[in-house]
Amino acid sequence: MQADALTKQANAFTKQADAFIRQADTFTKQADAFIRQADAFTMQADTFTKHGIAKFDSLRINEML
């Protein structure tokens, strides 16, 4: 009888652990999505920076002429 109770308790803990693992997987996927989004913003900022530098350089060249 006690073995049955312990088995039920172990099964309950296993189900709870599985639920925590699924939740952790969900959080990991969300974190990965945020990282990809941050990378996209960084690439966009880099592009704007390069455009700004090019514009600044073209203005400096025009001033020299």
Protein backbone atom coordinates (compact mmCIF):
# COMPACT_ATOMS: atom_id res chain seq x y z
CA MET A 1 0.00 0.00 0.00
CA GLN A 2 2.74 2.43 0.90
CA ALA A 3 4.52 1.56 -2.35
CA ASP A 4 1.40 2.51 -4.31
CA ALA A 5 1.24 5.87 -2.55
CA LEU A 6 4.92 6.50 -3.25
CA THR A 7 4.43 5.52 -6.90
CA LYS A 8 1.54 7.95 -7.21
CA GLN A 9 3.59 10.67 -5.60
CA ALA A 10 6.53 9.97 -7.91
CA ASN A 11 4.21 10.09 -10.91
CA ALA A 12 2.83 13.43 -9.74
CA PHE A 13 6.36 14.81 -9.35
CA THR A 14 7.27 13.52 -12.80
CA LYS A 15 4.25 15.26 -14.34
CA GLN A 16 5.15 18.47 -12.53
CA ALA A 17 8.76 18.22 -13.72
CA ASP A 18 7.55 17.67 -17.28
CA ALA A 19 5.36 20.77 -17.01
CA PHE A 20 8.33 22.81 -15.78
CA ILE A 21 10.46 21.51 -18.66
CA ARG A 22 7.79 22.50 -21.18
CA GLN A 23 7.56 25.93 -19.58
CA ALA A 24 11.37 26.30 -19.69
CA ASP A 25 11.33 25.30 -23.37
CA THR A 26 8.72 27.98 -24.03
CA PHE A 27 10.82 30.59 -22.23
CA THR A 28 13.89 29.51 -24.19
CA LYS A 29 12.02 29.89 -27.48
CA GLN A 30 10.81 33.34 -26.42
CA ALA A 31 14.33 34.36 -25.43
CA ASP A 32 15.65 33.14 -28.79
CA ALA A 33 12.98 35.19 -30.57
CA PHE A 34 13.96 38.29 -28.56
CA ILE A 35 17.62 37.72 -29.42
CA ARG A 36 16.79 37.44 -33.12
CA GLN A 37 14.75 40.64 -32.90
CA ALA A 38 17.60 42.43 -31.11
CA ASP A 39 20.01 41.24 -33.80
CA ALA A 40 17.67 42.59 -36.49
CA PHE A 41 17.53 45.97 -34.73
CA THR A 42 21.32 46.00 -34.45
CA MET A 43 21.69 45.30 -38.16
CA GLN A 44 19.21 48.07 -38.93
CA ALA A 45 21.10 50.48 -36.67
CA ASP A 46 24.35 49.52 -38.39
CA THR A 47 22.75 50.27 -41.75
CA PHE A 48 21.56 53.68 -40.56
CA THR A 49 25.02 54.39 -39.18
CA LYS A 50 26.68 53.49 -42.49
CA HIS A 51 24.20 55.70 -44.37
CA GLY A 52 24.90 58.54 -41.94
CA ILE A 53 28.65 58.19 -42.36
CA ALA A 54 28.29 58.11 -46.14
CA LYS A 55 26.11 61.23 -46.06
CA PHE A 56 28.57 63.01 -43.76
CA ASP A 57 31.47 62.06 -46.04
CA SER A 58 29.61 63.27 -49.13
CA LEU A 59 28.88 66.61 -47.43
CA ARG A 60 32.55 66.99 -46.46
CA ILE A 61 33.61 66.22 -50.03
CA ASN A 62 31.16 68.82 -51.36
CA GLU A 63 32.56 71.42 -48.92
CA MET A 64 36.08 70.74 -50.18
CA LEU A 65 35.13 71.29 -53.81
